[in-house]
Amino acid sequence: MKELEDNGGYLARHCDYKIRSQKIYRGLKELGVQLFLDEQVTSCVLRSFKLPSGHSYEQIHDGLKQAGFIIYAGQGGLKNDIFRIANMGNIQMEDVNRLLEYFKIILDRTKATINL
């Protein structure tokens, strides 16, 4: 609780989550990755995205894991359709920027392999 208070309280933390979540959403949208649910009904700490056509969860997960990021698979009947990204914890905007850079690399690499 002291750490929360030292960092501006609940509202400041919520605002940080929202800013990071929006940055992730906008960055992935630029790469052609769509939200699974309408933006108005999504959380600012965990969002689900549609797997881009031609890309598997495993390809994206494994590439991001090598770069130090962990994403989560969809569950049940959605496991082959979506992935989830959480942005809780000690995550800085530099981390979000790096995540988006690696997403671009992974998506571009997969596209290049498909086009061979």
PDB file of N, CA and C in Angstrom:
ATOM      1  N   MET A   1       0.820  -1.194   0.000  1.00  0.00           N
ATOM      2  CA  MET A   1       0.000   0.000   0.000  1.00  0.00           C
ATOM      3  C   MET A   1       0.867   1.262   0.000  1.00  0.00           C
ATOM      4  N   LYS A   2       1.998   1.185   0.698  1.00  0.00           N
ATOM      5  CA  LYS A   2       2.878   2.352   0.733  1.00  0.00           C
ATOM      6  C   LYS A   2       3.391   2.672  -0.665  1.00  0.00           C
ATOM      7  N   GLU A   3       3.782   1.647  -1.414  1.00  0.00           N
ATOM      8  CA  GLU A   3       4.267   1.864  -2.781  1.00  0.00           C
ATOM      9  C   GLU A   3       3.177   2.512  -3.635  1.00  0.00           C
ATOM     10  N   LEU A   4       1.952   2.031  -3.486  1.00  0.00           N
ATOM     11  CA  LEU A   4       0.833   2.608  -4.231  1.00  0.00           C
ATOM     12  C   LEU A   4       0.664   4.087  -3.877  1.00  0.00           C
ATOM     13  N   GLU A   5       0.681   4.382  -2.594  1.00  0.00           N
ATOM     14  CA  GLU A   5       0.549   5.776  -2.151  1.00  0.00           C
ATOM     15  C   GLU A   5       1.715   6.634  -2.632  1.00  0.00           C
ATOM     16  N   ASP A   6       2.933   6.078  -2.570  1.00  0.00           N
ATOM     17  CA  ASP A   6       4.125   6.825  -2.998  1.00  0.00           C
ATOM     18  C   ASP A   6       4.094   7.161  -4.488  1.00  0.00           C
ATOM     19  N   ASN A   7       3.353   6.375  -5.249  1.00  0.00           N
ATOM     20  CA  ASN A   7       3.278   6.587  -6.697  1.00  0.00           C
ATOM     21  C   ASN A   7       1.993   7.279  -7.134  1.00  0.00           C
ATOM     22  N   GLY A   8       1.337   7.967  -6.201  1.00  0.00           N
ATOM     23  CA  GLY A   8       0.187   8.779  -6.566  1.00  0.00           C
ATOM     24  C   GLY A   8      -1.166   8.161  -6.295  1.00  0.00           C
ATOM     25  N   GLY A   9      -1.194   6.948  -5.767  1.00  0.00           N
ATOM     26  CA  GLY A   9      -2.454   6.312  -5.428  1.00  0.00           C
ATOM     27  C   GLY A   9      -3.091   5.562  -6.591  1.00  0.00           C
ATOM     28  N   TYR A  10      -4.284   5.066  -6.321  1.00  0.00           N
ATOM     29  CA  TYR A  10      -5.003   4.239  -7.290  1.00  0.00           C
ATOM     30  C   TYR A  10      -5.245   4.966  -8.608  1.00  0.00           C
ATOM     31  N   LEU A  11      -5.692   6.205  -8.542  1.00  0.00           N
ATOM     32  CA  LEU A  11      -6.026   6.928  -9.776  1.00  0.00           C
ATOM     33  C   LEU A  11      -4.805   7.124 -10.670  1.00  0.00           C
ATOM     34  N   ALA A  12      -3.660   7.419 -10.077  1.00  0.00           N
ATOM     35  CA  ALA A  12      -2.434   7.582 -10.870  1.00  0.00           C
ATOM     36  C   ALA A  12      -2.034   6.257 -11.503  1.00  0.00           C
ATOM     37  N   ARG A  13      -2.129   5.174 -10.746  1.00  0.00           N
ATOM     38  CA  ARG A  13      -1.772   3.860 -11.297  1.00  0.00           C
ATOM     39  C   ARG A  13      -2.730   3.482 -12.423  1.00  0.00           C
ATOM     40  N   HIS A  14      -4.009   3.709 -12.221  1.00  0.00           N
ATOM     41  CA  HIS A  14      -5.001   3.409 -13.255  1.00  0.00           C
ATOM     42  C   HIS A  14      -4.716   4.215 -14.519  1.00  0.00           C
ATOM     43  N   CYS A  15      -4.356   5.465 -14.353  1.00  0.00           N
ATOM     44  CA  CYS A  15      -4.021   6.324 -15.493  1.00  0.00           C
ATOM     45  C   CYS A  15      -2.801   5.774 -16.236  1.00  0.00           C
ATOM     46  N   ASP A  16      -1.784   5.326 -15.497  1.00  0.00           N
ATOM     47  CA  ASP A  16      -0.598   4.726 -16.127  1.00  0.00           C
ATOM     48  C   ASP A  16      -0.980   3.492 -16.933  1.00  0.00           C
ATOM     49  N   TYR A  17      -1.812   2.621 -16.348  1.00  0.00           N
ATOM     50  CA  TYR A  17      -2.254   1.418 -17.060  1.00  0.00           C
ATOM     51  C   TYR A  17      -2.987   1.796 -18.343  1.00  0.00           C
ATOM     52  N   LYS A  18      -3.842   2.791 -18.234  1.00  0.00           N
ATOM     53  CA  LYS A  18      -4.643   3.207 -19.390  1.00  0.00           C
ATOM     54  C   LYS A  18      -3.757   3.761 -20.510  1.00  0.00           C
ATOM     55  N   ILE A  19      -2.774   4.572 -20.152  1.00  0.00           N
ATOM     56  CA  ILE A  19      -1.860   5.139 -21.152  1.00  0.00           C
ATOM     57  C   ILE A  19      -1.074   4.032 -21.845  1.00  0.00           C
ATOM     58  N   ARG A  20      -0.535   3.090 -21.071  1.00  0.00           N
ATOM     59  CA  ARG A  20       0.226   1.979 -21.669  1.00  0.00           C
ATOM     60  C   ARG A  20      -0.666   1.110 -22.537  1.00  0.00           C
ATOM     61  N   SER A  21      -1.863   0.835 -22.054  1.00  0.00           N
ATOM     62  CA  SER A  21      -2.796   0.005 -22.811  1.00  0.00           C
ATOM     63  C   SER A  21      -3.152   0.650 -24.146  1.00  0.00           C
ATOM     64  N   GLN A  22      -3.377   1.958 -24.135  1.00  0.00           N
ATOM     65  CA  GLN A  22      -3.692   2.682 -25.375  1.00  0.00           C
ATOM     66  C   GLN A  22      -2.518   2.650 -26.345  1.00  0.00           C
ATOM     67  N   LYS A  23      -1.312   2.795 -25.825  1.00  0.00           N
ATOM     68  CA  LYS A  23      -0.111   2.754 -26.669  1.00  0.00           C
ATOM     69  C   LYS A  23       0.018   1.376 -27.330  1.00  0.00           C
ATOM     70  N   ILE A  24      -0.211   0.322 -26.561  1.00  0.00           N
ATOM     71  CA  ILE A  24      -0.149  -1.035 -27.113  1.00  0.00           C
ATOM     72  C   ILE A  24      -1.225  -1.205 -28.178  1.00  0.00           C
ATOM     73  N   TYR A  25      -2.445  -0.795 -27.858  1.00  0.00           N
ATOM     74  CA  TYR A  25      -3.557  -0.920 -28.802  1.00  0.00           C
ATOM     75  C   TYR A  25      -3.264  -0.179 -30.102  1.00  0.00           C
ATOM     76  N   ARG A  26      -2.857   1.069 -29.997  1.00  0.00           N
ATOM     77  CA  ARG A  26      -2.595   1.871 -31.210  1.00  0.00           C
ATOM     78  C   ARG A  26      -1.431   1.306 -32.016  1.00  0.00           C
ATOM     79  N   GLY A  27      -0.385   0.870 -31.317  1.00  0.00           N
ATOM     80  CA  GLY A  27       0.765   0.303 -32.013  1.00  0.00           C
ATOM     81  C   GLY A  27       0.425  -0.978 -32.746  1.00  0.00           C
ATOM     82  N   LEU A  28      -0.340  -1.852 -32.098  1.00  0.00           N
ATOM     83  CA  LEU A  28      -0.733  -3.100 -32.752  1.00  0.00           C
ATOM     84  C   LEU A  28      -1.712  -2.831 -33.885  1.00  0.00           C
ATOM     85  N   LYS A  29      -2.583  -1.855 -33.697  1.00  0.00           N
ATOM     86  CA  LYS A  29      -3.528  -1.497 -34.760  1.00  0.00           C
ATOM     87  C   LYS A  29      -2.770  -1.057 -36.013  1.00  0.00           C
ATOM     88  N   GLU A  30      -1.710  -0.282 -35.835  1.00  0.00           N
ATOM     89  CA  GLU A  30      -0.881   0.145 -36.971  1.00  0.00           C
ATOM     90  C   GLU A  30      -0.249  -1.047 -37.690  1.00  0.00           C
ATOM     91  N   LEU A  31      -0.021  -2.129 -36.955  1.00  0.00           N
ATOM     92  CA  LEU A  31       0.560  -3.339 -37.540  1.00  0.00           C
ATOM     93  C   LEU A  31      -0.509  -4.270 -38.109  1.00  0.00           C
ATOM     94  N   GLY A  32      -1.770  -3.854 -38.028  1.00  0.00           N
ATOM     95  CA  GLY A  32      -2.860  -4.661 -38.569  1.00  0.00           C
ATOM     96  C   GLY A  32      -3.458  -5.655 -37.595  1.00  0.00           C
ATOM     97  N   VAL A  33      -3.117  -5.529 -36.316  1.00  0.00           N
ATOM     98  CA  VAL A  33      -3.643  -6.432 -35.285  1.00  0.00           C
ATOM     99  C   VAL A  33      -4.849  -5.758 -34.642  1.00  0.00           C
ATOM    100  N   GLN A  34      -5.983  -6.466 -34.632  1.00  0.00           N
ATOM    101  CA  GLN A  34      -7.236  -5.881 -34.148  1.00  0.00           C
ATOM    102  C   GLN A  34      -7.585  -6.361 -32.744  1.00  0.00           C
ATOM    103  N   LEU A  35      -8.242  -5.485 -31.999  1.00  0.00           N
ATOM    104  CA  LEU A  35      -8.802  -5.889 -30.711  1.00  0.00           C
ATOM    105  C   LEU A  35      -9.857  -6.962 -30.935  1.00  0.00           C
ATOM    106  N   PHE A  36      -9.997  -7.855 -29.968  1.00  0.00           N
ATOM    107  CA  PHE A  36     -11.031  -8.881 -30.043  1.00  0.00           C
ATOM    108  C   PHE A  36     -12.390  -8.291 -29.692  1.00  0.00           C
ATOM    109  N   LEU A  37     -12.431  -7.471 -28.657  1.00  0.00           N
ATOM    110  CA  LEU A  37     -13.665  -6.812 -28.230  1.00  0.00           C
ATOM    111  C   LEU A  37     -13.590  -5.335 -28.588  1.00  0.00           C
ATOM    112  N   ASP A  38     -14.727  -4.679 -28.599  1.00  0.00           N
ATOM    113  CA  ASP A  38     -14.767  -3.241 -28.834  1.00  0.00           C
ATOM    114  C   ASP A  38     -13.951  -2.526 -27.759  1.00  0.00           C
ATOM    115  N   GLU A  39     -13.230  -1.524 -28.169  1.00  0.00           N
ATOM    116  CA  GLU A  39     -12.349  -0.787 -27.256  1.00  0.00           C
ATOM    117  C   GLU A  39     -13.091  -0.267 -26.025  1.00  0.00           C
ATOM    118  N   GLN A  40     -14.343   0.105 -26.178  1.00  0.00           N
ATOM    119  CA  GLN A  40     -15.109   0.699 -25.080  1.00  0.00           C
ATOM    120  C   GLN A  40     -15.403  -0.285 -23.948  1.00  0.00           C
ATOM    121  N   VAL A  41     -15.280  -1.584 -24.207  1.00  0.00           N
ATOM    122  CA  VAL A  41     -15.614  -2.569 -23.172  1.00  0.00           C
ATOM    123  C   VAL A  41     -14.399  -3.380 -22.729  1.00  0.00           C
ATOM    124  N   THR A  42     -13.197  -2.906 -23.061  1.00  0.00           N
ATOM    125  CA  THR A  42     -12.001  -3.650 -22.682  1.00  0.00           C
ATOM    126  C   THR A  42     -11.365  -3.065 -21.429  1.00  0.00           C
ATOM    127  N   SER A  43     -10.583  -3.882 -20.786  1.00  0.00           N
ATOM    128  CA  SER A  43      -9.854  -3.479 -19.593  1.00  0.00           C
ATOM    129  C   SER A  43      -8.611  -2.681 -19.976  1.00  0.00           C
ATOM    130  N   CYS A  44      -8.119  -1.899 -19.052  1.00  0.00           N
ATOM    131  CA  CYS A  44      -6.867  -1.186 -19.317  1.00  0.00           C
ATOM    132  C   CYS A  44      -5.657  -1.964 -18.805  1.00  0.00           C
ATOM    133  N   VAL A  45      -5.875  -3.132 -18.205  1.00  0.00           N
ATOM    134  CA  VAL A  45      -4.743  -3.933 -17.731  1.00  0.00           C
ATOM    135  C   VAL A  45      -4.569  -5.236 -18.499  1.00  0.00           C
ATOM    136  N   LEU A  46      -5.604  -5.714 -19.149  1.00  0.00           N
ATOM    137  CA  LEU A  46      -5.529  -6.951 -19.931  1.00  0.00           C
ATOM    138  C   LEU A  46      -6.464  -6.814 -21.122  1.00  0.00           C
ATOM    139  N   ARG A  47      -5.896  -6.974 -22.319  1.00  0.00           N
ATOM    140  CA  ARG A  47      -6.704  -6.875 -23.537  1.00  0.00           C
ATOM    141  C   ARG A  47      -6.465  -8.089 -24.411  1.00  0.00           C
ATOM    142  N   SER A  48      -7.516  -8.462 -25.125  1.00  0.00           N
ATOM    143  CA  SER A  48      -7.445  -9.577 -26.065  1.00  0.00           C
ATOM    144  C   SER A  48      -7.402  -9.036 -27.483  1.00  0.00           C
ATOM    145  N   PHE A  49      -6.532  -9.646 -28.294  1.00  0.00           N
ATOM    146  CA  PHE A  49      -6.357  -9.243 -29.686  1.00  0.00           C
ATOM    147  C   PHE A  49      -6.555 -10.448 -30.588  1.00  0.00           C
ATOM    148  N   LYS A  50      -7.072 -10.196 -31.784  1.00  0.00           N
ATOM    149  CA  LYS A  50      -7.234 -11.263 -32.770  1.00  0.00           C
ATOM    150  C   LYS A  50      -5.866 -11.629 -33.326  1.00  0.00           C
ATOM    151  N   LEU A  51      -5.628 -12.930 -33.473  1.00  0.00           N
ATOM    152  CA  LEU A  51      -4.390 -13.351 -34.130  1.00  0.00           C
ATOM    153  C   LEU A  51      -4.430 -12.887 -35.576  1.00  0.00           C
ATOM    154  N   PRO A  52      -3.382 -12.238 -36.043  1.00  0.00           N
ATOM    155  CA  PRO A  52      -3.373 -11.797 -37.438  1.00  0.00           C
ATOM    156  C   PRO A  52      -3.392 -12.996 -38.380  1.00  0.00           C
ATOM    157  N   SER A  53      -4.063 -12.853 -39.491  1.00  0.00           N
ATOM    158  CA  SER A  53      -4.139 -13.913 -40.493  1.00  0.00           C
ATOM    159  C   SER A  53      -2.728 -14.337 -40.895  1.00  0.00           C
ATOM    160  N   GLY A  54      -2.514 -15.644 -40.965  1.00  0.00           N
ATOM    161  CA  GLY A  54      -1.216 -16.171 -41.370  1.00  0.00           C
ATOM    162  C   GLY A  54      -0.209 -16.291 -40.246  1.00  0.00           C
ATOM    163  N   HIS A  55      -0.608 -15.964 -39.023  1.00  0.00           N
ATOM    164  CA  HIS A  55       0.295 -16.023 -37.876  1.00  0.00           C
ATOM    165  C   HIS A  55      -0.318 -16.917 -36.804  1.00  0.00           C
ATOM    166  N   SER A  56       0.500 -17.731 -36.187  1.00  0.00           N
ATOM    167  CA  SER A  56       0.008 -18.569 -35.097  1.00  0.00           C
ATOM    168  C   SER A  56       0.381 -17.944 -33.755  1.00  0.00           C
ATOM    169  N   TYR A  57      -0.351 -18.344 -32.742  1.00  0.00           N
ATOM    170  CA  TYR A  57      -0.028 -17.888 -31.392  1.00  0.00           C
ATOM    171  C   TYR A  57       1.402 -18.289 -31.044  1.00  0.00           C
ATOM    172  N   GLU A  58       1.769 -19.524 -31.384  1.00  0.00           N
ATOM    173  CA  GLU A  58       3.088 -20.034 -31.031  1.00  0.00           C
ATOM    174  C   GLU A  58       4.202 -19.188 -31.649  1.00  0.00           C
ATOM    175  N   GLN A  59       4.039 -18.795 -32.909  1.00  0.00           N
ATOM    176  CA  GLN A  59       5.058 -17.963 -33.565  1.00  0.00           C
ATOM    177  C   GLN A  59       5.237 -16.638 -32.831  1.00  0.00           C
ATOM    178  N   ILE A  60       4.130 -16.009 -32.529  1.00  0.00           N
ATOM    179  CA  ILE A  60       4.190 -14.701 -31.870  1.00  0.00           C
ATOM    180  C   ILE A  60       4.703 -14.853 -30.442  1.00  0.00           C
ATOM    181  N   HIS A  61       4.148 -15.813 -29.705  1.00  0.00           N
ATOM    182  CA  HIS A  61       4.558 -16.041 -28.321  1.00  0.00           C
ATOM    183  C   HIS A  61       6.048 -16.341 -28.226  1.00  0.00           C
ATOM    184  N   ASP A  62       6.517 -17.276 -29.047  1.00  0.00           N
ATOM    185  CA  ASP A  62       7.915 -17.691 -28.955  1.00  0.00           C
ATOM    186  C   ASP A  62       8.871 -16.558 -29.327  1.00  0.00           C
ATOM    187  N   GLY A  63       8.520 -15.788 -30.354  1.00  0.00           N
ATOM    188  CA  GLY A  63       9.358 -14.652 -30.735  1.00  0.00           C
ATOM    189  C   GLY A  63       9.423 -13.598 -29.648  1.00  0.00           C
ATOM    190  N   LEU A  64       8.284 -13.304 -29.051  1.00  0.00           N
ATOM    191  CA  LEU A  64       8.263 -12.305 -27.983  1.00  0.00           C
ATOM    192  C   LEU A  64       8.960 -12.819 -26.729  1.00  0.00           C
ATOM    193  N   LYS A  65       8.810 -14.111 -26.451  1.00  0.00           N
ATOM    194  CA  LYS A  65       9.461 -14.684 -25.270  1.00  0.00           C
ATOM    195  C   LYS A  65      10.977 -14.568 -25.388  1.00  0.00           C
ATOM    196  N   GLN A  66      11.510 -14.805 -26.587  1.00  0.00           N
ATOM    197  CA  GLN A  66      12.956 -14.658 -26.800  1.00  0.00           C
ATOM    198  C   GLN A  66      13.414 -13.229 -26.521  1.00  0.00           C
ATOM    199  N   ALA A  67      12.527 -12.278 -26.716  1.00  0.00           N
ATOM    200  CA  ALA A  67      12.850 -10.865 -26.473  1.00  0.00           C
ATOM    201  C   ALA A  67      12.537 -10.443 -25.035  1.00  0.00           C
ATOM    202  N   GLY A  68      12.039 -11.376 -24.213  1.00  0.00           N
ATOM    203  CA  GLY A  68      11.770 -11.077 -22.812  1.00  0.00           C
ATOM    204  C   GLY A  68      10.341 -10.703 -22.486  1.00  0.00           C
ATOM    205  N   PHE A  69       9.420 -10.941 -23.415  1.00  0.00           N
ATOM    206  CA  PHE A  69       8.010 -10.615 -23.197  1.00  0.00           C
ATOM    207  C   PHE A  69       7.183 -11.891 -23.142  1.00  0.00           C
ATOM    208  N   ILE A  70       6.134 -11.862 -22.340  1.00  0.00           N
ATOM    209  CA  ILE A  70       5.208 -12.990 -22.253  1.00  0.00           C
ATOM    210  C   ILE A  70       3.815 -12.493 -22.612  1.00  0.00           C
ATOM    211  N   ILE A  71       3.185 -13.186 -23.567  1.00  0.00           N
ATOM    212  CA  ILE A  71       1.777 -12.942 -23.876  1.00  0.00           C
ATOM    213  C   ILE A  71       1.025 -14.207 -23.508  1.00  0.00           C
ATOM    214  N   TYR A  72      -0.282 -14.133 -23.489  1.00  0.00           N
ATOM    215  CA  TYR A  72      -1.111 -15.245 -23.055  1.00  0.00           C
ATOM    216  C   TYR A  72      -2.037 -15.676 -24.178  1.00  0.00           C
ATOM    217  N   ALA A  73      -2.237 -16.977 -24.286  1.00  0.00           N
ATOM    218  CA  ALA A  73      -3.121 -17.530 -25.313  1.00  0.00           C
ATOM    219  C   ALA A  73      -4.578 -17.297 -24.928  1.00  0.00           C
ATOM    220  N   GLY A  74      -5.428 -17.349 -25.937  1.00  0.00           N
ATOM    221  CA  GLY A  74      -6.856 -17.378 -25.670  1.00  0.00           C
ATOM    222  C   GLY A  74      -7.185 -18.700 -24.992  1.00  0.00           C
ATOM    223  N   GLN A  75      -8.322 -18.778 -24.354  1.00  0.00           N
ATOM    224  CA  GLN A  75      -8.706 -19.994 -23.649  1.00  0.00           C
ATOM    225  C   GLN A  75      -9.874 -20.665 -24.342  1.00  0.00           C
ATOM    226  N   GLY A  76      -9.991 -21.968 -24.123  1.00  0.00           N
ATOM    227  CA  GLY A  76     -11.110 -22.728 -24.664  1.00  0.00           C
ATOM    228  C   GLY A  76     -11.189 -22.630 -26.170  1.00  0.00           C
ATOM    229  N   GLY A  77     -12.374 -22.339 -26.675  1.00  0.00           N
ATOM    230  CA  GLY A  77     -12.608 -22.262 -28.104  1.00  0.00           C
ATOM    231  C   GLY A  77     -11.921 -21.093 -28.788  1.00  0.00           C
ATOM    232  N   LEU A  78     -11.323 -20.199 -28.021  1.00  0.00           N
ATOM    233  CA  LEU A  78     -10.642 -19.031 -28.602  1.00  0.00           C
ATOM    234  C   LEU A  78      -9.124 -19.207 -28.678  1.00  0.00           C
ATOM    235  N   LYS A  79      -8.623 -20.378 -28.286  1.00  0.00           N
ATOM    236  CA  LYS A  79      -7.171 -20.542 -28.199  1.00  0.00           C
ATOM    237  C   LYS A  79      -6.455 -20.389 -29.536  1.00  0.00           C
ATOM    238  N   ASN A  80      -7.136 -20.612 -30.639  1.00  0.00           N
ATOM    239  CA  ASN A  80      -6.519 -20.446 -31.956  1.00  0.00           C
ATOM    240  C   ASN A  80      -6.896 -19.130 -32.624  1.00  0.00           C
ATOM    241  N   ASP A  81      -7.620 -18.283 -31.908  1.00  0.00           N
ATOM    242  CA  ASP A  81      -8.133 -17.045 -32.503  1.00  0.00           C
ATOM    243  C   ASP A  81      -7.590 -15.765 -31.887  1.00  0.00           C
ATOM    244  N   ILE A  82      -7.216 -15.825 -30.617  1.00  0.00           N
ATOM    245  CA  ILE A  82      -6.810 -14.596 -29.930  1.00  0.00           C
ATOM    246  C   ILE A  82      -5.560 -14.821 -29.087  1.00  0.00           C
ATOM    247  N   PHE A  83      -4.967 -13.710 -28.671  1.00  0.00           N
ATOM    248  CA  PHE A  83      -3.925 -13.713 -27.647  1.00  0.00           C
ATOM    249  C   PHE A  83      -4.214 -12.533 -26.729  1.00  0.00           C
ATOM    250  N   ARG A  84      -3.629 -12.572 -25.545  1.00  0.00           N
ATOM    251  CA  ARG A  84      -3.894 -11.529 -24.560  1.00  0.00           C
ATOM    252  C   ARG A  84      -2.589 -10.887 -24.102  1.00  0.00           C
ATOM    253  N   ILE A  85      -2.663  -9.600 -23.835  1.00  0.00           N
ATOM    254  CA  ILE A  85      -1.515  -8.852 -23.330  1.00  0.00           C
ATOM    255  C   ILE A  85      -1.938  -8.127 -22.058  1.00  0.00           C
ATOM    256  N   ALA A  86      -1.157  -8.333 -20.989  1.00  0.00           N
ATOM    257  CA  ALA A  86      -1.356  -7.604 -19.740  1.00  0.00           C
ATOM    258  C   ALA A  86      -0.245  -6.568 -19.621  1.00  0.00           C
ATOM    259  N   ASN A  87      -0.544  -5.448 -18.999  1.00  0.00           N
ATOM    260  CA  ASN A  87       0.486  -4.418 -18.820  1.00  0.00           C
ATOM    261  C   ASN A  87       0.552  -3.955 -17.371  1.00  0.00           C
ATOM    262  N   MET A  88       0.459  -4.925 -16.451  1.00  0.00           N
ATOM    263  CA  MET A  88       0.533  -4.624 -15.023  1.00  0.00           C
ATOM    264  C   MET A  88       1.972  -4.781 -14.541  1.00  0.00           C
ATOM    265  N   GLY A  89       2.274  -4.134 -13.453  1.00  0.00           N
ATOM    266  CA  GLY A  89       3.588  -4.284 -12.853  1.00  0.00           C
ATOM    267  C   GLY A  89       4.509  -3.139 -13.214  1.00  0.00           C
ATOM    268  N   ASN A  90       5.780  -3.375 -13.018  1.00  0.00           N
ATOM    269  CA  ASN A  90       6.798  -2.347 -13.242  1.00  0.00           C
ATOM    270  C   ASN A  90       7.149  -2.285 -14.724  1.00  0.00           C
ATOM    271  N   ILE A  91       6.237  -1.763 -15.509  1.00  0.00           N
ATOM    272  CA  ILE A  91       6.405  -1.657 -16.957  1.00  0.00           C
ATOM    273  C   ILE A  91       6.492  -0.179 -17.308  1.00  0.00           C
ATOM    274  N   GLN A  92       7.523   0.161 -18.025  1.00  0.00           N
ATOM    275  CA  GLN A  92       7.737   1.544 -18.444  1.00  0.00           C
ATOM    276  C   GLN A  92       7.350   1.699 -19.913  1.00  0.00           C
ATOM    277  N   MET A  93       7.203   2.937 -20.362  1.00  0.00           N
ATOM    278  CA  MET A  93       6.850   3.184 -21.756  1.00  0.00           C
ATOM    279  C   MET A  93       7.928   2.648 -22.701  1.00  0.00           C
ATOM    280  N   GLU A  94       9.180   2.635 -22.264  1.00  0.00           N
ATOM    281  CA  GLU A  94      10.254   2.060 -23.076  1.00  0.00           C
ATOM    282  C   GLU A  94       9.994   0.574 -23.331  1.00  0.00           C
ATOM    283  N   ASP A  95       9.450  -0.117 -22.330  1.00  0.00           N
ATOM    284  CA  ASP A  95       9.118  -1.536 -22.488  1.00  0.00           C
ATOM    285  C   ASP A  95       8.021  -1.712 -23.532  1.00  0.00           C
ATOM    286  N   VAL A  96       7.032  -0.840 -23.487  1.00  0.00           N
ATOM    287  CA  VAL A  96       5.931  -0.899 -24.456  1.00  0.00           C
ATOM    288  C   VAL A  96       6.471  -0.652 -25.865  1.00  0.00           C
ATOM    289  N   ASN A  97       7.338   0.330 -26.004  1.00  0.00           N
ATOM    290  CA  ASN A  97       7.925   0.612 -27.317  1.00  0.00           C
ATOM    291  C   ASN A  97       8.721  -0.583 -27.838  1.00  0.00           C
ATOM    292  N   ARG A  98       9.479  -1.222 -26.959  1.00  0.00           N
ATOM    293  CA  ARG A  98      10.248  -2.411 -27.346  1.00  0.00           C
ATOM    294  C   ARG A  98       9.325  -3.555 -27.744  1.00  0.00           C
ATOM    295  N   LEU A  99       8.246  -3.739 -26.986  1.00  0.00           N
ATOM    296  CA  LEU A  99       7.260  -4.767 -27.317  1.00  0.00           C
ATOM    297  C   LEU A  99       6.742  -4.562 -28.734  1.00  0.00           C
ATOM    298  N   LEU A 100       6.383  -3.341 -29.057  1.00  0.00           N
ATOM    299  CA  LEU A 100       5.843  -3.044 -30.387  1.00  0.00           C
ATOM    300  C   LEU A 100       6.899  -3.233 -31.474  1.00  0.00           C
ATOM    301  N   GLU A 101       8.143  -2.889 -31.184  1.00  0.00           N
ATOM    302  CA  GLU A 101       9.227  -3.121 -32.147  1.00  0.00           C
ATOM    303  C   GLU A 101       9.367  -4.611 -32.449  1.00  0.00           C
ATOM    304  N   TYR A 102       9.343  -5.433 -31.396  1.00  0.00           N
ATOM    305  CA  TYR A 102       9.487  -6.875 -31.600  1.00  0.00           C
ATOM    306  C   TYR A 102       8.270  -7.470 -32.286  1.00  0.00           C
ATOM    307  N   PHE A 103       7.091  -6.952 -31.985  1.00  0.00           N
ATOM    308  CA  PHE A 103       5.895  -7.407 -32.699  1.00  0.00           C
ATOM    309  C   PHE A 103       6.073  -7.186 -34.195  1.00  0.00           C
ATOM    310  N   LYS A 104       6.535  -6.007 -34.567  1.00  0.00           N
ATOM    311  CA  LYS A 104       6.736  -5.698 -35.987  1.00  0.00           C
ATOM    312  C   LYS A 104       7.747  -6.658 -36.609  1.00  0.00           C
ATOM    313  N   ILE A 105       8.843  -6.897 -35.931  1.00  0.00           N
ATOM    314  CA  ILE A 105       9.865  -7.823 -36.438  1.00  0.00           C
ATOM    315  C   ILE A 105       9.276  -9.205 -36.647  1.00  0.00           C
ATOM    316  N   ILE A 106       8.543  -9.695 -35.660  1.00  0.00           N
ATOM    317  CA  ILE A 106       7.968 -11.046 -35.732  1.00  0.00           C
ATOM    318  C   ILE A 106       6.942 -11.140 -36.850  1.00  0.00           C
ATOM    319  N   LEU A 107       6.054 -10.163 -36.946  1.00  0.00           N
ATOM    320  CA  LEU A 107       5.034 -10.198 -37.994  1.00  0.00           C
ATOM    321  C   LEU A 107       5.668 -10.089 -39.375  1.00  0.00           C
ATOM    322  N   ASP A 108       6.667  -9.226 -39.522  1.00  0.00           N
ATOM    323  CA  ASP A 108       7.352  -9.090 -40.812  1.00  0.00           C
ATOM    324  C   ASP A 108       8.091 -10.372 -41.178  1.00  0.00           C
ATOM    325  N   ARG A 109       8.740 -10.984 -40.199  1.00  0.00           N
ATOM    326  CA  ARG A 109       9.491 -12.224 -40.449  1.00  0.00           C
ATOM    327  C   ARG A 109       8.547 -13.343 -40.879  1.00  0.00           C
ATOM    328  N   THR A 110       7.408 -13.441 -40.234  1.00  0.00           N
ATOM    329  CA  THR A 110       6.441 -14.477 -40.590  1.00  0.00           C
ATOM    330  C   THR A 110       5.894 -14.236 -41.988  1.00  0.00           C
ATOM    331  N   LYS A 111       5.600 -12.980 -42.323  1.00  0.00           N
ATOM    332  CA  LYS A 111       5.120 -12.655 -43.676  1.00  0.00           C
ATOM    333  C   LYS A 111       6.163 -13.030 -44.717  1.00  0.00           C
ATOM    334  N   ALA A 112       7.433 -12.742 -44.437  1.00  0.00           N
ATOM    335  CA  ALA A 112       8.510 -13.051 -45.382  1.00  0.00           C
ATOM    336  C   ALA A 112       8.611 -14.555 -45.601  1.00  0.00           C
ATOM    337  N   THR A 113       8.445 -15.338 -44.549  1.00  0.00           N
ATOM    338  CA  THR A 113       8.499 -16.796 -44.663  1.00  0.00           C
ATOM    339  C   THR A 113       7.340 -17.310 -45.504  1.00  0.00           C
ATOM    340  N   ILE A 114       6.163 -16.737 -45.309  1.00  0.00           N
ATOM    341  CA  ILE A 114       4.978 -17.156 -46.065  1.00  0.00           C
ATOM    342  C   ILE A 114       5.152 -16.839 -47.545  1.00  0.00           C
ATOM    343  N   ASN A 115       5.792 -15.719 -47.865  1.00  0.00           N
ATOM    344  CA  ASN A 115       5.942 -15.286 -49.255  1.00  0.00           C
ATOM    345  C   ASN A 115       7.068 -15.986 -50.007  1.00  0.00           C
ATOM    346  N   LEU A 116       7.856 -16.811 -49.342  1.00  0.00           N
ATOM    347  CA  LEU A 116       8.955 -17.516 -50.027  1.00  0.00           C
ATOM    348  C   LEU A 116       8.450 -18.555 -50.990  1.00  0.00           C
TER     349      LEU A 116
END
